Structure formats: structure tokens, C-alpha cells
Amino acid sequence: MAWSCLNAVPFHRVQAAAKCLEVLATQNKVDEGIDLGTRILNLLPSVHTRALDRDDQQFVVSTFAGVASNLCSFLLSANRLSEALECLEQGRAIIISQMLDDRSDLSSLCQDHSHLANRYQSLVDEVNVPIRETTPDVVESLLRKRRQEAAAELDMCLKEIRCVPGHERFMLGQTIAEMQECITEGSIVVTNITDFRSDAIIVSSNSLRTIALPDLSASKARSWALGYAQNQAKRAQEALVAQDANTMLIAAMPTSPKGPGDKKAPKKLPGVEEEMREILILAHSQTSPTVLTHPSADQVLEVLKACRIAHFACHGTSDSSDPSNSGLILQKSTGPDESLMQDRLTVQQVSDLRLRYAQIAYLSACSTAENKAARLSDEVIHVVSGFQVAGFPHVVGCLWPAGDSECVEVSKRFYSLVLKCNQSVINNEVASALQEAVMAVRAEDLSMPLNWAQFVHYGV
């Protein structure tokens, strides 16, 4: 099969093997699935995406969506729990991982062993060079032979890099022990849903266990997600607060203009004004917030460069065809009549920033932590991750649309806890502050989790 063709480019080999893995999953062939899935993950570092633009990156990665999830299910069927969790980490978020790795001019490998880093990148480039149909037969034969040699050299190069102290996990993701070190309180729950089994993996600081979810199928999960998304309105408006290295940026948009092709403007967000007022009352005792009302994307991008905390209260949008185009809905004026139009602050625009002072981004907007692109289900491309890549170590977002009253109450309780923290300990308090805020709202409406369970913290 195409997977076994060693002189094919890695993309084509992985693409073919991913389809085969889906077939093995439907047949519940565990041993064969583990063998093939493991070899696919080991080849993923060789699939060249860095030189591509974002659209092409997303297309390439979309062709092997589900590989990590299917391999995880195979490993769980074989009672290999630790390996199952590690494969999820290794096979997810390839684009975001590369973007984060590219934040510095040179990776740690470049700094410590530049010759190895250069050889690795050169071999990755070489095995991904396409062979054109117009290439003469003799030359094509030589190129295919050289690609096969380069692929073998790349395998050896990876093994050599992983023998270097400090780089044993190069391109392999975190170990279970490293994941557990991140847990100071409570547990992390990872849900893995595939067509032949679904499980919850529970990770605590000193244990790892799994709970089977026999009544949860992939088709049910997709139906729920699609049905819910189609029936929900999207929030829109922003409250940004900007300060210099110690500043807070608040931007509020209780109304938004129509978007291209829209028959009517998004619904008004009366709660945005109350949300802004509550935050200003809390912030004034701790800092000097700057408020932007109805800002454009360019204005926000400029102000973000100097702020420590950024709060957005606005409509958000998750693009199902291009998640890098997901974003926060702002507005700008156009033409001599100064008419207003929507101006989207996209994931791609935010992730291109390199922020020095960023600390907390609070995205009080719908679906900011949602990726609707099924073909990129293993990627973490949404508005929250865009802010993480830009430099915010803590980002609060929403998994699905939230109501005005819940947004106001959660943000008010969150800032009442965070803004009184000393800077030396604030990193330890952000997640717990959000948890406390959400639990307080939960206590008032325990029977309606869709009203309060969407608020999530991403970060350290």
C-alpha cells in the first residue's frame, strides 16, 4: 500500500495510512491498529508544514485528523493507558505546537547543538521536495532513491537528537510524569471519543485511571455539537482595557453592525455595559484602566502590545471552514459617509503578535475556545489558542455561547479575586479564581450546566 512506499513524500504516506487506520478501527483490529498508528505518529515530525501558509498547513493536517484519537482507543483496548495518553499529546495541535516553537529565533536544540538542528531541518526539507511529472525518468529514479536515503537519515538524525541530554523527548510531547507535575490541585480529565469506543482518562498528581463511556459514541457527539451550534446565536462586542506594562485594556461593544451578506445586525448585548461597569469599579482600585468602545481590529492589535490584562466583551465567531479566521467581532468605519462595518480580529492576526507584557486575556465572547472544523479536530486552533501563541500565559474563554447575565457574574467574581493578588503569586491564582467564580454561579443554577460550564481557563 502507499504507506509502505518509502520513496513517497511523508504527507502521502501519512494520508494513506490514516485512512487505513480508520478501517482497522471499524474492524476493531487492535494489534494492527497499534502498530500502524505508532508508526504514523513517529512519521508526523517529517511532514513538512512550516514552509506552508496557514491555509495549506490546515489542509495538510486535516488529512490525518483522528490518528491520535484512534491510536489512543487501540492502546486503551490493550490496557496500555500511559501510552494512550502520551500518543494524544504527540499527535494533537501540530500547527499550534510549531507556532509556539517558532516564538524564539532558535529553539533550544539550535542553541545547544546547531549542527544537529540544521541537519534535521535540511533532511525534513529534502524528504518533502515534490517530484514533478515533467522530471526525466533517469533523474526521477535518482531523486526517489535519494528521498528514500534521506528518510532513513532523518530517522537516524531523530535518534541521535534524542540521545542528547535534555532532548530525549524531541518532537514526542510530554511524558506522563511531566503532565502530572503540572497538577497541583484536583485532576485533569481527557475525553477521547472514536467510532469504536469512548473513554475518560483521569490524570491526578499521583495516579492515572480511565473510565469507559459505552453510551457515548462519536456520531452522538457530532450530532450534539452540530445541533447545538446551529441553534445558538453568537455573542458580539468587546470590552478591552489597555495599560502599559502594568495596564488593563477594556473594550466594550454593546452593538455591532451587520456583517457581509447579513440581513440584520447581530443581537444587542445589553449585559456588556454592565460587565464593563463592574470591571471598572474593581479595576480602578488596583490600576488605571483604559476603555476602548467599538474599536477596530487594528486599534486593538496596537494596544495589545503594551497591556498586561486584556478583557473583551463582544460577539465571537468560530469559522467551521477556516479556524484561523475565527475571531472577535469588532467594527470599523468605511468611506466618506463613515458607515460602519464588521471588523474581525482573527486568530491569525492575534497569533502573529509577539507580546512582552501580556499576562491575562479574558475573552467574554461566545465560542472563543471552540474549533468547529471537523477536519482539524486534533488541532487546537481557536481564539483562545491565538492569544496563547501571542504571549498570554493565561486565557479565559468559552466553549459555547454564554448568556449576558452569566458573563457579567463570572467576570465580576473573577476580577474581584485576581485584581487583589500580588504580582508574585498571580500566576498561581488565575485558574482557581475562575473555578471559584464559576462554582458560585453554578450554585445558583445547578440544574442548567449549559449556562455556566462553558467558561474555561487555558494556561499554566
Protein backbone atom coordinates (compact mmCIF):
# COMPACT_ATOMS: atom_id res chain seq x y z
CA MET A 1 0.00 0.00 0.00
CA ALA A 2 1.01 3.68 -0.30
CA TRP A 3 2.17 3.73 3.34
CA SER A 4 4.90 1.19 2.52
CA CYS A 5 6.27 3.25 -0.36
CA LEU A 6 9.38 4.66 1.33
CA ASN A 7 10.27 6.94 -1.57
CA ALA A 8 6.92 8.76 -1.37
CA VAL A 9 6.70 12.11 0.40
CA PRO A 10 5.72 11.73 4.11
CA PHE A 11 2.44 13.59 3.52
CA HIS A 12 1.19 10.98 1.03
CA ARG A 13 2.32 8.09 3.24
CA VAL A 14 0.58 9.51 6.32
CA GLN A 15 -2.55 10.36 4.33
CA ALA A 16 -2.87 6.76 3.10
CA ALA A 17 -2.08 5.23 6.49
CA ALA A 18 -4.61 7.45 8.28
CA LYS A 19 -7.38 6.07 6.05
CA CYS A 20 -6.19 2.54 6.71
CA LEU A 21 -6.23 3.20 10.46
CA GLU A 22 -9.90 4.20 10.21
CA VAL A 23 -10.66 0.87 8.53
CA LEU A 24 -8.81 -1.04 11.25
CA ALA A 25 -10.82 0.87 13.84
CA THR A 26 -14.13 -0.22 12.31
CA GLN A 27 -12.83 -3.82 12.32
CA ASN A 28 -11.51 -3.48 15.91
CA LYS A 29 -8.12 -4.90 14.89
CA VAL A 30 -6.25 -3.70 17.94
CA ASP A 31 -2.73 -5.07 17.39
CA GLU A 32 -2.58 -3.97 13.75
CA GLY A 33 -4.01 -0.56 14.71
CA ILE A 34 -1.39 -0.01 17.42
CA ASP A 35 1.46 -0.95 15.09
CA LEU A 36 0.31 1.27 12.21
CA GLY A 37 -0.81 4.18 14.42
CA THR A 38 2.50 4.26 16.28
CA ARG A 39 4.45 4.35 13.02
CA ILE A 40 2.24 7.18 11.72
CA LEU A 41 2.89 9.30 14.82
CA ASN A 42 6.62 8.67 14.51
CA LEU A 43 6.49 9.97 10.93
CA LEU A 44 4.49 13.12 11.72
CA PRO A 45 7.60 15.20 12.56
CA SER A 46 8.74 14.57 8.98
CA VAL A 47 5.60 16.04 7.43
CA HIS A 48 6.72 19.47 6.31
CA THR A 49 4.26 22.23 7.23
CA ARG A 50 6.40 25.12 8.46
CA ALA A 51 7.13 26.42 4.97
CA LEU A 52 3.42 26.47 4.06
CA ASP A 53 0.98 29.30 4.63
CA ARG A 54 -1.76 28.79 7.22
CA ASP A 55 -4.42 27.60 4.74
CA ASP A 56 -2.10 24.93 3.31
CA GLN A 57 -0.97 23.91 6.80
CA GLN A 58 -4.58 23.33 7.80
CA PHE A 59 -5.25 21.28 4.66
CA VAL A 60 -2.22 19.05 5.24
CA VAL A 61 -3.03 18.45 8.91
CA SER A 62 -6.72 17.85 8.18
CA THR A 63 -5.86 14.78 6.09
CA PHE A 64 -4.72 12.83 9.16
CA ALA A 65 -7.22 14.13 11.70
CA GLY A 66 -8.23 11.40 14.15
CA VAL A 67 -4.99 9.40 14.00
CA ALA A 68 -4.07 10.18 17.62
CA SER A 69 -7.62 9.56 18.86
CA ASN A 70 -7.90 6.21 17.08
CA LEU A 71 -4.47 5.11 18.31
CA CYS A 72 -5.45 6.14 21.83
CA SER A 73 -8.55 3.91 21.60
CA PHE A 74 -6.48 0.98 20.32
CA LEU A 75 -4.00 1.37 23.19
CA LEU A 76 -6.80 1.61 25.76
CA SER A 77 -8.25 -1.63 24.36
CA ALA A 78 -4.85 -3.19 25.05
CA ASN A 79 -4.78 -1.74 28.61
CA ARG A 80 -1.80 0.48 27.76
CA LEU A 81 -3.09 3.60 29.47
CA SER A 82 0.12 5.63 29.80
CA GLU A 83 0.99 5.16 26.13
CA ALA A 84 -2.58 6.07 25.15
CA LEU A 85 -2.36 9.46 26.85
CA GLU A 86 1.13 10.17 25.53
CA CYS A 87 0.04 9.44 21.95
CA LEU A 88 -2.76 12.01 22.28
CA GLU A 89 -0.21 14.64 23.29
CA GLN A 90 2.16 13.67 20.48
CA GLY A 91 -0.49 13.68 17.74
CA ARG A 92 -2.51 16.78 18.59
CA ALA A 93 -2.06 20.50 17.92
CA ILE A 94 0.73 20.16 15.34
CA ILE A 95 0.25 23.64 13.85
CA ILE A 96 -0.01 25.40 17.22
CA SER A 97 3.00 23.47 18.53
CA GLN A 98 5.09 24.62 15.57
CA MET A 99 3.93 28.20 16.06
CA LEU A 100 4.88 28.12 19.73
CA ASP A 101 8.24 26.54 18.90
CA ASP A 102 8.88 29.33 16.40
CA ARG A 103 8.38 32.07 19.01
CA SER A 104 12.14 32.33 19.55
CA ASP A 105 14.77 32.85 16.86
CA LEU A 106 16.35 29.50 17.66
CA SER A 107 14.93 26.54 19.51
CA SER A 108 16.82 25.07 22.44
CA LEU A 109 18.25 22.49 20.07
CA CYS A 110 19.65 25.24 17.82
CA GLN A 111 21.22 26.90 20.83
CA ASP A 112 22.79 23.71 22.18
CA HIS A 113 23.57 21.76 19.00
CA SER A 114 23.11 23.90 15.91
CA HIS A 115 24.67 21.29 13.61
CA LEU A 116 22.05 18.71 14.60
CA ALA A 117 19.21 21.21 14.27
CA ASN A 118 20.41 22.29 10.82
CA ARG A 119 20.81 18.69 9.66
CA TYR A 120 17.37 17.75 10.94
CA GLN A 121 15.69 20.69 9.14
CA SER A 122 17.67 20.04 5.96
CA LEU A 123 16.57 16.40 5.89
CA VAL A 124 12.92 17.36 6.59
CA ASP A 125 13.10 19.76 3.64
CA GLU A 126 14.68 17.11 1.42
CA VAL A 127 12.15 14.32 2.05
CA ASN A 128 9.30 16.74 1.31
CA VAL A 129 10.53 18.03 -2.06
CA PRO A 130 7.94 17.03 -4.70
CA ILE A 131 8.98 15.17 -7.84
CA ARG A 132 7.36 16.82 -10.85
CA GLU A 133 5.65 14.89 -13.62
CA THR A 134 7.96 16.61 -16.09
CA THR A 135 11.08 15.23 -14.40
CA PRO A 136 13.07 12.95 -16.79
CA ASP A 137 12.84 9.24 -15.88
CA VAL A 138 16.54 8.88 -15.06
CA VAL A 139 16.52 11.92 -12.83
CA GLU A 140 13.26 10.82 -11.21
CA SER A 141 14.78 7.45 -10.34
CA LEU A 142 17.76 9.15 -8.72
CA LEU A 143 15.52 11.57 -6.81
CA ARG A 144 13.35 8.76 -5.48
CA LYS A 145 16.39 6.82 -4.38
CA ARG A 146 17.81 9.90 -2.66
CA ARG A 147 14.50 10.60 -0.92
CA GLN A 148 14.49 7.06 0.47
CA GLU A 149 18.06 7.56 1.72
CA ALA A 150 17.14 10.93 3.23
CA ALA A 151 14.18 9.36 5.05
CA ALA A 152 16.50 6.77 6.61
CA GLU A 153 18.98 9.52 7.53
CA LEU A 154 16.17 11.52 9.11
CA ASP A 155 15.24 8.54 11.30
CA MET A 156 18.85 8.25 12.40
CA CYS A 157 19.06 12.01 12.99
CA LEU A 158 15.99 11.88 15.26
CA LYS A 159 17.52 9.02 17.23
CA GLU A 160 20.78 10.96 17.56
CA ILE A 161 18.98 14.08 18.78
CA ARG A 162 17.06 12.05 21.37
CA CYS A 163 20.35 10.70 22.71
CA VAL A 164 21.48 14.24 23.57
CA PRO A 165 20.93 15.09 27.25
CA GLY A 166 17.96 17.43 27.58
CA HIS A 167 16.46 16.47 24.21
CA GLU A 168 15.30 12.91 24.92
CA ARG A 169 11.69 13.89 24.17
CA PHE A 170 12.40 15.86 20.98
CA MET A 171 9.12 16.01 18.97
CA LEU A 172 7.49 13.48 21.32
CA GLY A 173 5.42 15.69 23.63
CA GLN A 174 5.18 15.43 27.39
CA THR A 175 5.65 12.29 29.46
CA ILE A 176 3.00 11.27 31.98
CA ALA A 177 5.28 12.40 34.81
CA GLU A 178 5.65 15.85 33.21
CA MET A 179 1.87 16.14 32.85
CA GLN A 180 1.41 15.19 36.49
CA GLU A 181 3.93 17.81 37.59
CA CYS A 182 1.56 20.45 36.17
CA ILE A 183 -1.20 19.36 38.56
CA THR A 184 -1.12 20.99 41.97
CA GLU A 185 -4.78 20.51 42.86
CA GLY A 186 -7.58 18.36 41.51
CA SER A 187 -7.32 16.31 38.32
CA ILE A 188 -7.20 16.68 34.55
CA VAL A 189 -9.87 14.81 32.60
CA VAL A 190 -9.21 13.98 28.94
CA THR A 191 -12.16 12.66 26.92
CA ASN A 192 -11.34 10.53 23.88
CA ILE A 193 -14.25 9.72 21.55
CA THR A 194 -13.89 7.49 18.47
CA ASP A 195 -16.18 5.33 16.35
CA PHE A 196 -15.43 2.13 18.26
CA ARG A 197 -15.01 3.27 21.88
CA SER A 198 -15.10 6.33 24.12
CA ASP A 199 -13.28 6.88 27.41
CA ALA A 200 -12.42 9.48 30.01
CA ILE A 201 -8.78 9.47 31.13
CA ILE A 202 -8.33 10.96 34.59
CA VAL A 203 -4.89 12.29 35.48
CA SER A 204 -4.02 13.34 39.03
CA SER A 205 -0.66 14.23 40.55
CA ASN A 206 -0.04 10.64 41.64
CA SER A 207 -2.36 8.42 39.61
CA LEU A 208 -3.75 7.68 36.19
CA ARG A 209 -7.01 5.87 35.52
CA THR A 210 -9.68 5.52 32.86
CA ILE A 211 -13.48 5.29 32.84
CA ALA A 212 -15.22 3.69 29.86
CA LEU A 213 -18.08 5.69 28.33
CA PRO A 214 -20.02 2.99 26.44
CA ASP A 215 -23.08 5.16 25.82
CA LEU A 216 -21.11 8.00 24.21
CA SER A 217 -20.45 7.45 20.50
CA ALA A 218 -18.66 9.67 18.03
CA SER A 219 -21.85 10.07 15.99
CA LYS A 220 -23.82 11.18 19.06
CA ALA A 221 -21.11 13.66 19.99
CA ARG A 222 -21.06 15.10 16.47
CA SER A 223 -24.86 15.37 16.35
CA TRP A 224 -24.99 17.13 19.68
CA ALA A 225 -22.21 19.55 18.77
CA LEU A 226 -23.62 20.39 15.33
CA GLY A 227 -27.19 20.69 16.52
CA TYR A 228 -26.31 22.89 19.45
CA ALA A 229 -24.06 25.13 17.39
CA GLN A 230 -26.69 25.66 14.72
CA ASN A 231 -29.30 26.72 17.27
CA GLN A 232 -27.20 29.21 19.16
CA ALA A 233 -26.58 32.87 18.49
CA LYS A 234 -23.03 34.18 18.69
CA ARG A 235 -22.08 36.91 21.08
CA ALA A 236 -20.52 40.06 19.64
CA GLN A 237 -18.87 43.09 21.20
CA GLU A 238 -15.82 43.88 23.18
CA ALA A 239 -14.54 45.40 26.33
CA LEU A 240 -10.82 45.86 26.23
CA VAL A 241 -8.73 47.55 28.86
CA ALA A 242 -5.24 48.67 27.99
CA GLN A 243 -2.36 49.75 30.11
CA ASP A 244 1.35 49.88 29.60
CA ALA A 245 3.39 47.14 31.26
CA ASN A 246 1.00 47.37 34.20
CA THR A 247 -2.16 48.29 32.35
CA MET A 248 -5.56 46.83 31.73
CA LEU A 249 -7.32 47.24 28.42
CA ILE A 250 -11.13 47.08 28.40
CA ALA A 251 -13.14 47.25 25.16
CA ALA A 252 -16.93 47.13 25.16
CA MET A 253 -19.33 46.77 22.24
CA PRO A 254 -23.00 46.54 23.19
CA THR A 255 -23.97 46.78 19.50
CA SER A 256 -22.39 45.54 16.25
CA PRO A 257 -23.02 46.39 12.58
CA LYS A 258 -24.13 43.84 10.03
CA GLY A 259 -21.54 41.56 8.51
CA PRO A 260 -21.14 40.94 4.74
CA GLY A 261 -24.27 39.22 3.44
CA ASP A 262 -26.13 39.52 6.76
CA LYS A 263 -29.78 40.58 6.61
CA LYS A 264 -29.61 42.09 10.08
CA ALA A 265 -27.04 43.04 12.65
CA PRO A 266 -26.12 40.68 15.49
CA LYS A 267 -28.35 40.97 18.53
CA LYS A 268 -27.56 43.68 21.05
CA LEU A 269 -25.62 42.75 24.15
CA PRO A 270 -27.05 44.87 26.96
CA GLY A 271 -25.00 42.94 29.52
CA VAL A 272 -21.74 44.25 28.01
CA GLU A 273 -22.22 47.71 29.53
CA GLU A 274 -22.93 46.26 32.97
CA GLU A 275 -19.95 43.93 32.63
CA MET A 276 -17.70 46.87 31.79
CA ARG A 277 -19.00 48.96 34.70
CA GLU A 278 -18.45 46.15 37.20
CA ILE A 279 -14.89 45.53 35.98
CA LEU A 280 -14.06 49.25 36.04
CA ILE A 281 -15.21 49.51 39.66
CA LEU A 282 -12.90 46.65 40.60
CA ALA A 283 -10.01 47.75 38.39
CA HIS A 284 -9.84 51.40 39.46
CA SER A 285 -8.69 50.45 42.93
CA GLN A 286 -5.80 48.45 41.51
CA THR A 287 -4.82 50.15 38.22
CA SER A 288 -5.73 52.84 35.71
CA PRO A 289 -7.76 51.09 33.02
CA THR A 290 -8.21 52.45 29.52
CA VAL A 291 -11.52 51.78 27.81
CA LEU A 292 -11.96 51.32 24.05
CA THR A 293 -15.53 51.43 22.80
CA HIS A 294 -16.31 49.89 19.41
CA PRO A 295 -12.63 49.57 18.42
CA SER A 296 -11.30 48.30 15.10
CA ALA A 297 -9.04 45.26 14.85
CA ASP A 298 -6.03 47.46 14.05
CA GLN A 299 -6.64 49.60 17.14
CA VAL A 300 -6.79 46.55 19.35
CA LEU A 301 -3.68 44.95 17.85
CA GLU A 302 -1.75 48.13 18.59
CA VAL A 303 -2.98 48.47 22.18
CA LEU A 304 -2.35 44.80 22.98
CA LYS A 305 1.38 45.37 22.55
CA ALA A 306 1.51 47.29 25.82
CA CYS A 307 -1.14 45.74 28.05
CA ARG A 308 -0.90 43.23 30.87
CA ILE A 309 -4.59 42.30 31.12
CA ALA A 310 -6.99 42.40 28.17
CA HIS A 311 -10.73 41.97 28.63
CA PHE A 312 -13.02 41.54 25.64
CA ALA A 313 -16.82 41.63 25.91
CA CYS A 314 -18.22 41.13 22.43
CA HIS A 315 -19.60 38.72 19.89
CA GLY A 316 -17.26 35.93 18.89
CA THR A 317 -17.30 33.63 15.89
CA SER A 318 -15.89 30.17 15.17
CA ASP A 319 -15.23 29.55 11.46
CA SER A 320 -16.03 25.93 10.56
CA SER A 321 -14.11 26.00 7.27
CA ASP A 322 -11.06 28.01 8.36
CA PRO A 323 -10.48 28.09 12.14
CA SER A 324 -7.63 30.58 11.72
CA ASN A 325 -10.30 33.02 10.54
CA SER A 326 -12.27 32.60 13.80
CA GLY A 327 -12.19 35.70 15.92
CA LEU A 328 -13.77 38.51 17.87
CA ILE A 329 -16.21 40.77 16.03
CA LEU A 330 -15.23 44.45 16.20
CA GLN A 331 -16.09 47.27 13.82
CA LYS A 332 -14.56 49.98 11.63
CA SER A 333 -15.81 52.92 9.60
CA THR A 334 -15.59 52.95 5.81
CA GLY A 335 -15.98 55.53 3.09
CA PRO A 336 -16.71 59.25 3.25
CA ASP A 337 -20.06 58.70 4.98
CA GLU A 338 -18.29 56.96 7.88
CA SER A 339 -20.64 53.98 7.68
CA LEU A 340 -19.76 51.13 9.99
CA MET A 341 -18.92 47.54 9.08
CA GLN A 342 -17.81 44.47 10.99
CA ASP A 343 -14.08 44.10 11.53
CA ARG A 344 -12.99 40.67 12.69
CA LEU A 345 -9.95 40.29 14.94
CA THR A 346 -8.83 36.86 13.74
CA VAL A 347 -6.84 34.04 15.29
CA GLN A 348 -4.17 34.53 12.65
CA GLN A 349 -3.82 38.27 13.36
CA VAL A 350 -3.51 37.75 17.10
CA SER A 351 -1.14 34.79 16.86
CA ASP A 352 1.24 36.85 14.72
CA LEU A 353 1.88 39.18 17.68
CA ARG A 354 4.90 38.86 19.99
CA LEU A 355 3.77 40.37 23.30
CA ARG A 356 6.19 41.26 26.11
CA TYR A 357 3.90 42.23 28.98
CA ALA A 358 0.86 40.01 28.39
CA GLN A 359 -0.47 38.15 31.40
CA ILE A 360 -4.23 37.55 31.29
CA ALA A 361 -6.67 37.66 28.37
CA TYR A 362 -10.35 37.29 29.29
CA LEU A 363 -12.48 36.64 26.21
CA SER A 364 -16.07 37.21 27.29
CA ALA A 365 -17.38 36.21 23.87
CA CYS A 366 -19.12 33.14 22.52
CA SER A 367 -17.26 30.06 21.33
CA THR A 368 -13.75 31.50 21.77
CA ALA A 369 -12.45 28.07 22.84
CA GLU A 370 -14.35 26.20 20.14
CA ASN A 371 -12.94 24.66 16.95
CA LYS A 372 -15.83 23.81 14.63
CA ALA A 373 -13.63 22.46 11.81
CA ALA A 374 -14.18 18.69 11.96
CA ARG A 375 -11.33 18.08 9.52
CA LEU A 376 -8.97 19.75 12.04
CA SER A 377 -10.42 18.16 15.16
CA ASP A 378 -6.99 17.20 16.52
CA GLU A 379 -5.75 20.78 16.26
CA VAL A 380 -6.26 23.47 18.89
CA ILE A 381 -6.93 26.41 16.56
CA HIS A 382 -9.37 28.81 18.14
CA VAL A 383 -9.40 32.34 19.53
CA VAL A 384 -8.05 31.29 22.92
CA SER A 385 -5.03 29.50 21.44
CA GLY A 386 -4.33 32.54 19.25
CA PHE A 387 -3.93 34.66 22.38
CA GLN A 388 -1.74 31.98 23.94
CA VAL A 389 0.58 31.95 20.95
CA ALA A 390 0.73 35.77 21.07
CA GLY A 391 2.15 35.57 24.59
CA PHE A 392 -0.70 35.46 27.13
CA PRO A 393 0.13 32.70 29.66
CA HIS A 394 -3.47 32.76 30.94
CA VAL A 395 -6.54 32.94 28.68
CA VAL A 396 -10.19 32.58 29.74
CA GLY A 397 -12.66 31.64 27.00
CA CYS A 398 -15.99 29.95 26.29
CA LEU A 399 -16.63 26.53 24.76
CA TRP A 400 -20.11 27.55 23.58
CA PRO A 401 -22.35 30.65 23.65
CA ALA A 402 -22.96 32.19 27.07
CA GLY A 403 -25.77 34.37 28.35
CA ASP A 404 -25.36 38.02 29.30
CA SER A 405 -26.09 37.57 32.99
CA GLU A 406 -23.65 34.66 33.37
CA CYS A 407 -20.90 36.58 31.58
CA VAL A 408 -21.36 39.55 33.92
CA GLU A 409 -21.44 37.48 37.08
CA VAL A 410 -18.48 35.22 36.26
CA SER A 411 -16.24 38.10 35.13
CA LYS A 412 -17.13 40.21 38.19
CA ARG A 413 -16.31 37.40 40.60
CA PHE A 414 -13.15 36.51 38.66
CA TYR A 415 -11.67 40.02 38.77
CA SER A 416 -12.64 40.54 42.40
CA LEU A 417 -10.22 37.71 43.18
CA VAL A 418 -7.48 38.25 40.58
CA LEU A 419 -7.01 42.01 40.82
CA LYS A 420 -6.23 41.89 44.52
CA CYS A 421 -3.43 39.32 44.01
CA ASN A 422 0.18 40.30 44.35
CA GLN A 423 2.07 40.03 41.04
CA SER A 424 4.43 37.47 42.53
CA VAL A 425 1.59 34.96 43.09
CA ILE A 426 -0.98 35.90 40.44
CA ASN A 427 0.08 33.07 38.06
CA ASN A 428 -0.94 30.56 40.71
CA GLU A 429 -4.34 32.16 41.26
CA VAL A 430 -5.87 32.71 37.80
CA ALA A 431 -7.25 29.20 37.28
CA SER A 432 -8.54 28.90 40.84
CA ALA A 433 -10.17 32.36 40.58
CA LEU A 434 -12.12 31.27 37.51
CA GLN A 435 -13.08 28.00 39.17
CA GLU A 436 -14.37 29.83 42.23
CA ALA A 437 -16.32 32.29 40.07
CA VAL A 438 -17.93 29.53 38.01
CA MET A 439 -18.74 27.43 41.07
CA ALA A 440 -20.52 30.40 42.64
CA VAL A 441 -22.70 30.83 39.54
CA ARG A 442 -23.19 27.06 39.39
CA ALA A 443 -24.54 27.04 42.95
CA GLU A 444 -27.31 29.41 41.87
CA ASP A 445 -28.36 27.29 38.86
CA LEU A 446 -27.09 23.74 39.40
CA SER A 447 -29.62 22.11 37.07
CA MET A 448 -28.54 24.13 33.98
CA PRO A 449 -24.85 23.36 33.27
CA LEU A 450 -25.08 24.79 29.73
CA ASN A 451 -25.45 28.22 31.36
CA TRP A 452 -22.18 28.14 33.32
CA ALA A 453 -19.99 25.16 32.32
CA GLN A 454 -18.59 26.78 29.15
CA PHE A 455 -16.12 29.07 30.94
CA VAL A 456 -12.62 27.58 30.73
CA HIS A 457 -9.07 28.58 31.64
CA TYR A 458 -6.17 27.74 29.33
CA GLY A 459 -2.67 28.22 30.64
CA VAL A 460 -0.07 27.30 33.19
